[in-house]
PDB file of N, CA and C in Angstrom:
ATOM      1  N   MET A   1       0.862  -1.171   0.000  1.00  0.00           N
ATOM      2  CA  MET A   1       0.000   0.000   0.000  1.00  0.00           C
ATOM      3  C   MET A   1       0.908   1.233   0.000  1.00  0.00           C
ATOM      4  N   GLY A   2       0.664   2.174  -0.928  1.00  0.00           N
ATOM      5  CA  GLY A   2       1.501   3.351  -1.029  1.00  0.00           C
ATOM      6  C   GLY A   2       1.109   4.428  -0.032  1.00  0.00           C
ATOM      7  N   ASN A   3       2.015   5.398   0.108  1.00  0.00           N
ATOM      8  CA  ASN A   3       1.763   6.504   1.039  1.00  0.00           C
ATOM      9  C   ASN A   3       0.532   7.309   0.660  1.00  0.00           C
ATOM     10  N   ALA A   4       0.311   7.538  -0.622  1.00  0.00           N
ATOM     11  CA  ALA A   4      -0.854   8.316  -1.064  1.00  0.00           C
ATOM     12  C   ALA A   4      -2.145   7.614  -0.661  1.00  0.00           C
ATOM     13  N   HIS A   5      -2.174   6.299  -0.806  1.00  0.00           N
ATOM     14  CA  HIS A   5      -3.365   5.537  -0.427  1.00  0.00           C
ATOM     15  C   HIS A   5      -3.609   5.618   1.084  1.00  0.00           C
ATOM     16  N   ARG A   6      -2.542   5.532   1.865  1.00  0.00           N
ATOM     17  CA  ARG A   6      -2.667   5.635   3.338  1.00  0.00           C
ATOM     18  C   ARG A   6      -3.213   7.006   3.735  1.00  0.00           C
ATOM     19  N   TRP A   7      -2.696   8.047   3.095  1.00  0.00           N
ATOM     20  CA  TRP A   7      -3.160   9.396   3.422  1.00  0.00           C
ATOM     21  C   TRP A   7      -4.627   9.575   3.070  1.00  0.00           C
ATOM     22  N   ARG A   8      -5.050   9.011   1.936  1.00  0.00           N
ATOM     23  CA  ARG A   8      -6.462   9.101   1.558  1.00  0.00           C
ATOM     24  C   ARG A   8      -7.343   8.381   2.570  1.00  0.00           C
ATOM     25  N   ARG A   9      -6.915   7.200   2.998  1.00  0.00           N
ATOM     26  CA  ARG A   9      -7.702   6.450   3.986  1.00  0.00           C
ATOM     27  C   ARG A   9      -7.744   7.192   5.318  1.00  0.00           C
ATOM     28  N   ALA A  10      -6.603   7.761   5.719  1.00  0.00           N
ATOM     29  CA  ALA A  10      -6.564   8.520   6.974  1.00  0.00           C
ATOM     30  C   ALA A  10      -7.463   9.753   6.870  1.00  0.00           C
ATOM     31  N   GLY A  11      -7.412  10.428   5.732  1.00  0.00           N
ATOM     32  CA  GLY A  11      -8.261  11.607   5.524  1.00  0.00           C
ATOM     33  C   GLY A  11      -9.730  11.243   5.553  1.00  0.00           C
ATOM     34  N   ALA A  12     -10.077  10.103   4.937  1.00  0.00           N
ATOM     35  CA  ALA A  12     -11.468   9.657   4.949  1.00  0.00           C
ATOM     36  C   ALA A  12     -11.919   9.332   6.365  1.00  0.00           C
ATOM     37  N   ALA A  13     -11.026   8.725   7.158  1.00  0.00           N
ATOM     38  CA  ALA A  13     -11.372   8.399   8.549  1.00  0.00           C
ATOM     39  C   ALA A  13     -11.582   9.671   9.364  1.00  0.00           C
ATOM     40  N   VAL A  14     -10.746  10.669   9.150  1.00  0.00           N
ATOM     41  CA  VAL A  14     -10.896  11.940   9.871  1.00  0.00           C
ATOM     42  C   VAL A  14     -12.205  12.608   9.484  1.00  0.00           C
ATOM     43  N   LEU A  15     -12.535  12.614   8.194  1.00  0.00           N
ATOM     44  CA  LEU A  15     -13.798  13.211   7.756  1.00  0.00           C
ATOM     45  C   LEU A  15     -15.000  12.473   8.333  1.00  0.00           C
ATOM     46  N   ALA A  16     -14.926  11.152   8.379  1.00  0.00           N
ATOM     47  CA  ALA A  16     -16.024  10.372   8.947  1.00  0.00           C
ATOM     48  C   ALA A  16     -16.194  10.673  10.432  1.00  0.00           C
ATOM     49  N   ALA A  17     -15.074  10.791  11.156  1.00  0.00           N
ATOM     50  CA  ALA A  17     -15.142  11.114  12.585  1.00  0.00           C
ATOM     51  C   ALA A  17     -15.724  12.510  12.797  1.00  0.00           C
ATOM     52  N   ALA A  18     -15.329  13.462  11.955  1.00  0.00           N
ATOM     53  CA  ALA A  18     -15.857  14.827  12.072  1.00  0.00           C
ATOM     54  C   ALA A  18     -17.361  14.855  11.795  1.00  0.00           C
ATOM     55  N   ALA A  19     -17.795  14.095  10.788  1.00  0.00           N
ATOM     56  CA  ALA A  19     -19.227  14.036  10.477  1.00  0.00           C
ATOM     57  C   ALA A  19     -20.009  13.421  11.626  1.00  0.00           C
ATOM     58  N   LEU A  20     -19.458  12.388  12.230  1.00  0.00           N
ATOM     59  CA  LEU A  20     -20.117  11.757  13.369  1.00  0.00           C
ATOM     60  C   LEU A  20     -20.200  12.711  14.556  1.00  0.00           C
ATOM     61  N   ALA A  21     -19.143  13.445  14.823  1.00  0.00           N
ATOM     62  CA  ALA A  21     -19.147  14.415  15.922  1.00  0.00           C
ATOM     63  C   ALA A  21     -20.156  15.530  15.659  1.00  0.00           C
ATOM     64  N   ALA A  22     -20.249  15.988  14.420  1.00  0.00           N
ATOM     65  CA  ALA A  22     -21.212  17.037  14.082  1.00  0.00           C
ATOM     66  C   ALA A  22     -22.632  16.541  14.252  1.00  0.00           C
ATOM     67  N   ALA A  23     -22.892  15.307  13.839  1.00  0.00           N
ATOM     68  CA  ALA A  23     -24.230  14.743  13.990  1.00  0.00           C
ATOM     69  C   ALA A  23     -24.580  14.568  15.454  1.00  0.00           C
ATOM     70  N   ALA A  24     -23.620  14.182  16.265  1.00  0.00           N
ATOM     71  CA  ALA A  24     -23.880  14.018  17.701  1.00  0.00           C
ATOM     72  C   ALA A  24     -24.180  15.359  18.348  1.00  0.00           C
ATOM     73  N   GLY A  25     -23.586  16.431  17.846  1.00  0.00           N
ATOM     74  CA  GLY A  25     -23.836  17.762  18.383  1.00  0.00           C
ATOM     75  C   GLY A  25     -25.254  18.243  18.135  1.00  0.00           C
ATOM     76  N   CYS A  26     -25.950  17.632  17.200  1.00  0.00           N
ATOM     77  CA  CYS A  26     -27.318  18.020  16.869  1.00  0.00           C
ATOM     78  C   CYS A  26     -28.336  17.053  17.464  1.00  0.00           C
ATOM     79  N   SER A  27     -27.914  16.207  18.358  1.00  0.00           N
ATOM     80  CA  SER A  27     -28.812  15.186  18.885  1.00  0.00           C
ATOM     81  C   SER A  27     -29.802  15.768  19.884  1.00  0.00           C
ATOM     82  N   GLN A  28     -30.875  15.039  20.107  1.00  0.00           N
ATOM     83  CA  GLN A  28     -31.876  15.442  21.094  1.00  0.00           C
ATOM     84  C   GLN A  28     -31.248  15.532  22.474  1.00  0.00           C
ATOM     85  N   GLU A  29     -30.367  14.586  22.809  1.00  0.00           N
ATOM     86  CA  GLU A  29     -29.717  14.597  24.122  1.00  0.00           C
ATOM     87  C   GLU A  29     -28.893  15.869  24.314  1.00  0.00           C
ATOM     88  N   TYR A  30     -28.167  16.278  23.275  1.00  0.00           N
ATOM     89  CA  TYR A  30     -27.367  17.497  23.344  1.00  0.00           C
ATOM     90  C   TYR A  30     -28.261  18.706  23.593  1.00  0.00           C
ATOM     91  N   SER A  31     -29.382  18.779  22.862  1.00  0.00           N
ATOM     92  CA  SER A  31     -30.311  19.896  23.037  1.00  0.00           C
ATOM     93  C   SER A  31     -30.936  19.879  24.425  1.00  0.00           C
ATOM     94  N   ASP A  32     -31.309  18.701  24.912  1.00  0.00           N
ATOM     95  CA  ASP A  32     -31.911  18.592  26.240  1.00  0.00           C
ATOM     96  C   ASP A  32     -30.948  19.067  27.320  1.00  0.00           C
ATOM     97  N   LYS A  33     -29.693  18.695  27.224  1.00  0.00           N
ATOM     98  CA  LYS A  33     -28.705  19.092  28.226  1.00  0.00           C
ATOM     99  C   LYS A  33     -28.517  20.602  28.260  1.00  0.00           C
ATOM    100  N   ARG A  34     -28.717  21.242  27.128  1.00  0.00           N
ATOM    101  CA  ARG A  34     -28.551  22.688  27.046  1.00  0.00           C
ATOM    102  C   ARG A  34     -29.844  23.436  27.331  1.00  0.00           C
ATOM    103  N   GLY A  35     -30.913  22.702  27.664  1.00  0.00           N
ATOM    104  CA  GLY A  35     -32.193  23.350  27.946  1.00  0.00           C
ATOM    105  C   GLY A  35     -32.915  23.797  26.698  1.00  0.00           C
ATOM    106  N   LYS A  36     -32.548  23.246  25.545  1.00  0.00           N
ATOM    107  CA  LYS A  36     -33.146  23.662  24.281  1.00  0.00           C
ATOM    108  C   LYS A  36     -34.083  22.611  23.702  1.00  0.00           C
ATOM    109  N   GLY A  37     -34.192  21.452  24.326  1.00  0.00           N
ATOM    110  CA  GLY A  37     -35.019  20.382  23.784  1.00  0.00           C
ATOM    111  C   GLY A  37     -36.468  20.509  24.209  1.00  0.00           C
ATOM    112  N   ASP A  38     -37.311  19.736  23.559  1.00  0.00           N
ATOM    113  CA  ASP A  38     -38.725  19.695  23.922  1.00  0.00           C
ATOM    114  C   ASP A  38     -38.911  18.931  25.221  1.00  0.00           C
ATOM    115  N   ALA A  39     -39.895  19.326  25.983  1.00  0.00           N
ATOM    116  CA  ALA A  39     -40.247  18.593  27.193  1.00  0.00           C
ATOM    117  C   ALA A  39     -40.914  17.284  26.799  1.00  0.00           C
ATOM    118  N   PRO A  40     -40.729  16.243  27.589  1.00  0.00           N
ATOM    119  CA  PRO A  40     -41.382  14.972  27.263  1.00  0.00           C
ATOM    120  C   PRO A  40     -42.901  15.090  27.399  1.00  0.00           C
ATOM    121  N   VAL A  41     -43.610  14.338  26.577  1.00  0.00           N
ATOM    122  CA  VAL A  41     -45.073  14.327  26.599  1.00  0.00           C
ATOM    123  C   VAL A  41     -45.516  12.941  27.038  1.00  0.00           C
ATOM    124  N   LEU A  42     -46.290  12.869  28.111  1.00  0.00           N
ATOM    125  CA  LEU A  42     -46.743  11.603  28.660  1.00  0.00           C
ATOM    126  C   LEU A  42     -47.536  10.820  27.630  1.00  0.00           C
ATOM    127  N   ASN A  43     -47.110   9.613  27.335  1.00  0.00           N
ATOM    128  CA  ASN A  43     -47.786   8.713  26.392  1.00  0.00           C
ATOM    129  C   ASN A  43     -47.976   9.329  25.004  1.00  0.00           C
ATOM    130  N   GLN A  44     -47.152  10.287  24.660  1.00  0.00           N
ATOM    131  CA  GLN A  44     -47.229  10.942  23.346  1.00  0.00           C
ATOM    132  C   GLN A  44     -48.610  11.526  23.084  1.00  0.00           C
ATOM    133  N   GLN A  45     -49.334  11.925  24.124  1.00  0.00           N
ATOM    134  CA  GLN A  45     -50.686  12.469  23.998  1.00  0.00           C
ATOM    135  C   GLN A  45     -50.658  13.964  24.274  1.00  0.00           C
ATOM    136  N   GLY A  46     -50.230  14.737  23.317  1.00  0.00           N
ATOM    137  CA  GLY A  46     -50.164  16.175  23.515  1.00  0.00           C
ATOM    138  C   GLY A  46     -50.843  16.916  22.385  1.00  0.00           C
ATOM    139  N   ASP A  47     -50.969  18.211  22.536  1.00  0.00           N
ATOM    140  CA  ASP A  47     -51.541  19.080  21.515  1.00  0.00           C
ATOM    141  C   ASP A  47     -50.419  19.478  20.565  1.00  0.00           C
ATOM    142  N   ASP A  48     -50.420  18.913  19.380  1.00  0.00           N
ATOM    143  CA  ASP A  48     -49.367  19.195  18.420  1.00  0.00           C
ATOM    144  C   ASP A  48     -49.744  20.257  17.401  1.00  0.00           C
ATOM    145  N   THR A  49     -50.806  21.020  17.674  1.00  0.00           N
ATOM    146  CA  THR A  49     -51.176  22.075  16.733  1.00  0.00           C
ATOM    147  C   THR A  49     -50.073  23.134  16.717  1.00  0.00           C
ATOM    148  N   PRO A  50     -49.857  23.759  15.574  1.00  0.00           N
ATOM    149  CA  PRO A  50     -48.776  24.748  15.499  1.00  0.00           C
ATOM    150  C   PRO A  50     -49.114  26.021  16.273  1.00  0.00           C
ATOM    151  N   ALA A  51     -48.079  26.689  16.705  1.00  0.00           N
ATOM    152  CA  ALA A  51     -48.226  27.989  17.352  1.00  0.00           C
ATOM    153  C   ALA A  51     -48.154  29.075  16.283  1.00  0.00           C
ATOM    154  N   GLN A  52     -48.716  30.212  16.598  1.00  0.00           N
ATOM    155  CA  GLN A  52     -48.580  31.372  15.725  1.00  0.00           C
ATOM    156  C   GLN A  52     -47.290  32.072  16.143  1.00  0.00           C
ATOM    157  N   VAL A  53     -46.393  32.312  15.192  1.00  0.00           N
ATOM    158  CA  VAL A  53     -45.074  32.857  15.502  1.00  0.00           C
ATOM    159  C   VAL A  53     -44.947  34.252  14.919  1.00  0.00           C
ATOM    160  N   PHE A  54     -44.437  35.162  15.730  1.00  0.00           N
ATOM    161  CA  PHE A  54     -44.163  36.532  15.311  1.00  0.00           C
ATOM    162  C   PHE A  54     -42.651  36.740  15.380  1.00  0.00           C
ATOM    163  N   ASN A  55     -42.035  36.968  14.224  1.00  0.00           N
ATOM    164  CA  ASN A  55     -40.591  37.194  14.171  1.00  0.00           C
ATOM    165  C   ASN A  55     -40.283  38.631  14.543  1.00  0.00           C
ATOM    166  N   MET A  56     -39.307  38.803  15.409  1.00  0.00           N
ATOM    167  CA  MET A  56     -38.849  40.128  15.803  1.00  0.00           C
ATOM    168  C   MET A  56     -37.515  40.412  15.108  1.00  0.00           C
ATOM    169  N   PRO A  57     -37.104  41.669  15.059  1.00  0.00           N
ATOM    170  CA  PRO A  57     -35.803  41.990  14.442  1.00  0.00           C
ATOM    171  C   PRO A  57     -34.674  41.280  15.185  1.00  0.00           C
ATOM    172  N   ASP A  58     -33.547  41.115  14.511  1.00  0.00           N
ATOM    173  CA  ASP A  58     -32.391  40.483  15.148  1.00  0.00           C
ATOM    174  C   ASP A  58     -32.057  41.191  16.449  1.00  0.00           C
ATOM    175  N   GLY A  59     -31.681  40.399  17.433  1.00  0.00           N
ATOM    176  CA  GLY A  59     -31.350  40.938  18.742  1.00  0.00           C
ATOM    177  C   GLY A  59     -32.526  40.909  19.702  1.00  0.00           C
ATOM    178  N   PHE A  60     -33.716  40.608  19.215  1.00  0.00           N
ATOM    179  CA  PHE A  60     -34.904  40.523  20.050  1.00  0.00           C
ATOM    180  C   PHE A  60     -35.477  39.123  19.947  1.00  0.00           C
ATOM    181  N   GLY A  61     -36.051  38.625  21.030  1.00  0.00           N
ATOM    182  CA  GLY A  61     -36.634  37.291  21.022  1.00  0.00           C
ATOM    183  C   GLY A  61     -37.902  37.233  20.177  1.00  0.00           C
ATOM    184  N   ASN A  62     -38.061  36.173  19.403  1.00  0.00           N
ATOM    185  CA  ASN A  62     -39.302  35.952  18.658  1.00  0.00           C
ATOM    186  C   ASN A  62     -40.396  35.571  19.635  1.00  0.00           C
ATOM    187  N   LEU A  63     -41.644  35.699  19.214  1.00  0.00           N
ATOM    188  CA  LEU A  63     -42.791  35.416  20.065  1.00  0.00           C
ATOM    189  C   LEU A  63     -43.656  34.340  19.430  1.00  0.00           C
ATOM    190  N   ALA A  64     -44.034  33.351  20.214  1.00  0.00           N
ATOM    191  CA  ALA A  64     -44.971  32.320  19.751  1.00  0.00           C
ATOM    192  C   ALA A  64     -46.145  32.296  20.718  1.00  0.00           C
ATOM    193  N   THR A  65     -47.354  32.057  20.184  1.00  0.00           N
ATOM    194  CA  THR A  65     -48.538  31.998  21.023  1.00  0.00           C
ATOM    195  C   THR A  65     -49.481  30.921  20.499  1.00  0.00           C
ATOM    196  N   LYS A  66     -50.190  30.290  21.415  1.00  0.00           N
ATOM    197  CA  LYS A  66     -51.220  29.314  21.051  1.00  0.00           C
ATOM    198  C   LYS A  66     -52.097  29.052  22.265  1.00  0.00           C
ATOM    199  N   CYS A  67     -53.282  28.511  21.992  1.00  0.00           N
ATOM    200  CA  CYS A  67     -54.177  28.117  23.078  1.00  0.00           C
ATOM    201  C   CYS A  67     -53.613  26.878  23.755  1.00  0.00           C
ATOM    202  N   VAL A  68     -53.694  26.876  25.075  1.00  0.00           N
ATOM    203  CA  VAL A  68     -53.256  25.716  25.855  1.00  0.00           C
ATOM    204  C   VAL A  68     -54.355  25.397  26.847  1.00  0.00           C
ATOM    205  N   GLY A  69     -54.720  24.155  26.933  1.00  0.00           N
ATOM    206  CA  GLY A  69     -55.824  23.801  27.818  1.00  0.00           C
ATOM    207  C   GLY A  69     -57.106  24.430  27.305  1.00  0.00           C
ATOM    208  N   HIS A  70     -58.072  24.585  28.173  1.00  0.00           N
ATOM    209  CA  HIS A  70     -59.343  25.194  27.795  1.00  0.00           C
ATOM    210  C   HIS A  70     -59.436  26.555  28.458  1.00  0.00           C
ATOM    211  N   GLY A  71     -59.453  27.589  27.647  1.00  0.00           N
ATOM    212  CA  GLY A  71     -59.612  28.939  28.157  1.00  0.00           C
ATOM    213  C   GLY A  71     -58.319  29.649  28.505  1.00  0.00           C
ATOM    214  N   TYR A  72     -57.190  29.125  28.051  1.00  0.00           N
ATOM    215  CA  TYR A  72     -55.903  29.759  28.350  1.00  0.00           C
ATOM    216  C   TYR A  72     -55.068  29.890  27.085  1.00  0.00           C
ATOM    217  N   ARG A  73     -54.266  30.922  27.043  1.00  0.00           N
ATOM    218  CA  ARG A  73     -53.329  31.162  25.936  1.00  0.00           C
ATOM    219  C   ARG A  73     -51.932  31.316  26.529  1.00  0.00           C
ATOM    220  N   ALA A  74     -50.956  30.691  25.867  1.00  0.00           N
ATOM    221  CA  ALA A  74     -49.560  30.794  26.282  1.00  0.00           C
ATOM    222  C   ALA A  74     -48.816  31.691  25.310  1.00  0.00           C
ATOM    223  N   TYR A  75     -47.944  32.510  25.846  1.00  0.00           N
ATOM    224  CA  TYR A  75     -47.036  33.347  25.069  1.00  0.00           C
ATOM    225  C   TYR A  75     -45.624  32.950  25.477  1.00  0.00           C
ATOM    226  N   VAL A  76     -44.766  32.675  24.498  1.00  0.00           N
ATOM    227  CA  VAL A  76     -43.394  32.253  24.772  1.00  0.00           C
ATOM    228  C   VAL A  76     -42.465  33.057  23.881  1.00  0.00           C
ATOM    229  N   THR A  77     -41.390  33.564  24.474  1.00  0.00           N
ATOM    230  CA  THR A  77     -40.368  34.250  23.684  1.00  0.00           C
ATOM    231  C   THR A  77     -39.116  33.393  23.641  1.00  0.00           C
ATOM    232  N   THR A  78     -38.399  33.482  22.534  1.00  0.00           N
ATOM    233  CA  THR A  78     -37.115  32.797  22.431  1.00  0.00           C
ATOM    234  C   THR A  78     -36.056  33.673  23.076  1.00  0.00           C
ATOM    235  N   ASN A  79     -35.018  33.028  23.576  1.00  0.00           N
ATOM    236  CA  ASN A  79     -33.960  33.768  24.237  1.00  0.00           C
ATOM    237  C   ASN A  79     -32.698  32.925  24.184  1.00  0.00           C
ATOM    238  N   SER A  80     -31.711  33.357  23.415  1.00  0.00           N
ATOM    239  CA  SER A  80     -30.484  32.578  23.283  1.00  0.00           C
ATOM    240  C   SER A  80     -29.567  32.734  24.487  1.00  0.00           C
ATOM    241  N   ASP A  81     -29.792  33.741  25.316  1.00  0.00           N
ATOM    242  CA  ASP A  81     -28.907  33.993  26.451  1.00  0.00           C
ATOM    243  C   ASP A  81     -29.366  33.338  27.746  1.00  0.00           C
ATOM    244  N   GLY A  82     -30.526  32.753  27.775  1.00  0.00           N
ATOM    245  CA  GLY A  82     -31.018  32.161  29.015  1.00  0.00           C
ATOM    246  C   GLY A  82     -32.363  31.522  28.781  1.00  0.00           C
ATOM    247  N   PRO A  83     -33.087  31.289  29.849  1.00  0.00           N
ATOM    248  CA  PRO A  83     -34.395  30.630  29.701  1.00  0.00           C
ATOM    249  C   PRO A  83     -35.386  31.524  28.966  1.00  0.00           C
ATOM    250  N   SER A  84     -36.327  30.885  28.295  1.00  0.00           N
ATOM    251  CA  SER A  84     -37.382  31.621  27.596  1.00  0.00           C
ATOM    252  C   SER A  84     -38.361  32.202  28.611  1.00  0.00           C
ATOM    253  N   ASN A  85     -39.026  33.257  28.204  1.00  0.00           N
ATOM    254  CA  ASN A  85     -40.066  33.846  29.034  1.00  0.00           C
ATOM    255  C   ASN A  85     -41.399  33.228  28.635  1.00  0.00           C
ATOM    256  N   VAL A  86     -42.188  32.786  29.617  1.00  0.00           N
ATOM    257  CA  VAL A  86     -43.473  32.158  29.344  1.00  0.00           C
ATOM    258  C   VAL A  86     -44.544  32.845  30.175  1.00  0.00           C
ATOM    259  N   GLN A  87     -45.653  33.159  29.532  1.00  0.00           N
ATOM    260  CA  GLN A  87     -46.810  33.723  30.233  1.00  0.00           C
ATOM    261  C   GLN A  87     -48.039  32.934  29.800  1.00  0.00           C
ATOM    262  N   VAL A  88     -48.877  32.547  30.740  1.00  0.00           N
ATOM    263  CA  VAL A  88     -50.149  31.891  30.443  1.00  0.00           C
ATOM    264  C   VAL A  88     -51.244  32.775  31.005  1.00  0.00           C
ATOM    265  N   VAL A  89     -52.187  33.167  30.140  1.00  0.00           N
ATOM    266  CA  VAL A  89     -53.259  34.089  30.534  1.00  0.00           C
ATOM    267  C   VAL A  89     -54.597  33.528  30.117  1.00  0.00           C
ATOM    268  N   SER A  90     -55.653  33.976  30.795  1.00  0.00           N
ATOM    269  CA  SER A  90     -57.009  33.590  30.409  1.00  0.00           C
ATOM    270  C   SER A  90     -57.335  34.166  29.052  1.00  0.00           C
ATOM    271  N   ASP A  91     -57.998  33.366  28.202  1.00  0.00           N
ATOM    272  CA  ASP A  91     -58.417  33.833  26.889  1.00  0.00           C
ATOM    273  C   ASP A  91     -59.708  33.122  26.522  1.00  0.00           C
ATOM    274  N   ALA A  92     -60.811  33.863  26.500  1.00  0.00           N
ATOM    275  CA  ALA A  92     -62.117  33.271  26.216  1.00  0.00           C
ATOM    276  C   ALA A  92     -62.189  32.679  24.808  1.00  0.00           C
ATOM    277  N   ALA A  93     -61.320  33.142  23.909  1.00  0.00           N
ATOM    278  CA  ALA A  93     -61.314  32.626  22.538  1.00  0.00           C
ATOM    279  C   ALA A  93     -60.726  31.218  22.459  1.00  0.00           C
ATOM    280  N   CYS A  94     -60.052  30.776  23.486  1.00  0.00           N
ATOM    281  CA  CYS A  94     -59.465  29.427  23.515  1.00  0.00           C
ATOM    282  C   CYS A  94     -60.466  28.464  24.121  1.00  0.00           C
ATOM    283  N   ARG A  95     -61.078  27.653  23.304  1.00  0.00           N
ATOM    284  CA  ARG A  95     -62.116  26.729  23.778  1.00  0.00           C
ATOM    285  C   ARG A  95     -61.576  25.332  23.901  1.00  0.00           C
TER     286      ARG A  95
END
């Protein structure tokens, strides 16, 4: 086996390892550890309807809102520097 072939195999192994590390960085476990993952849903029985999202200019947290439960609306802002802000308020339009 020549040196060029060895270098190609070594390069391919390094690229494969880098791809694996990158994929692991995007895993659910990685997101959960950083507080960015979804909360678990008991028996997969949750409300999966989409939220209405309002994009804010860069530097400001985006806002998402949707009805939760019966008669309540949740407002959630994104925040890359810490925990998101969540408010749940009464809303007669949420049946």
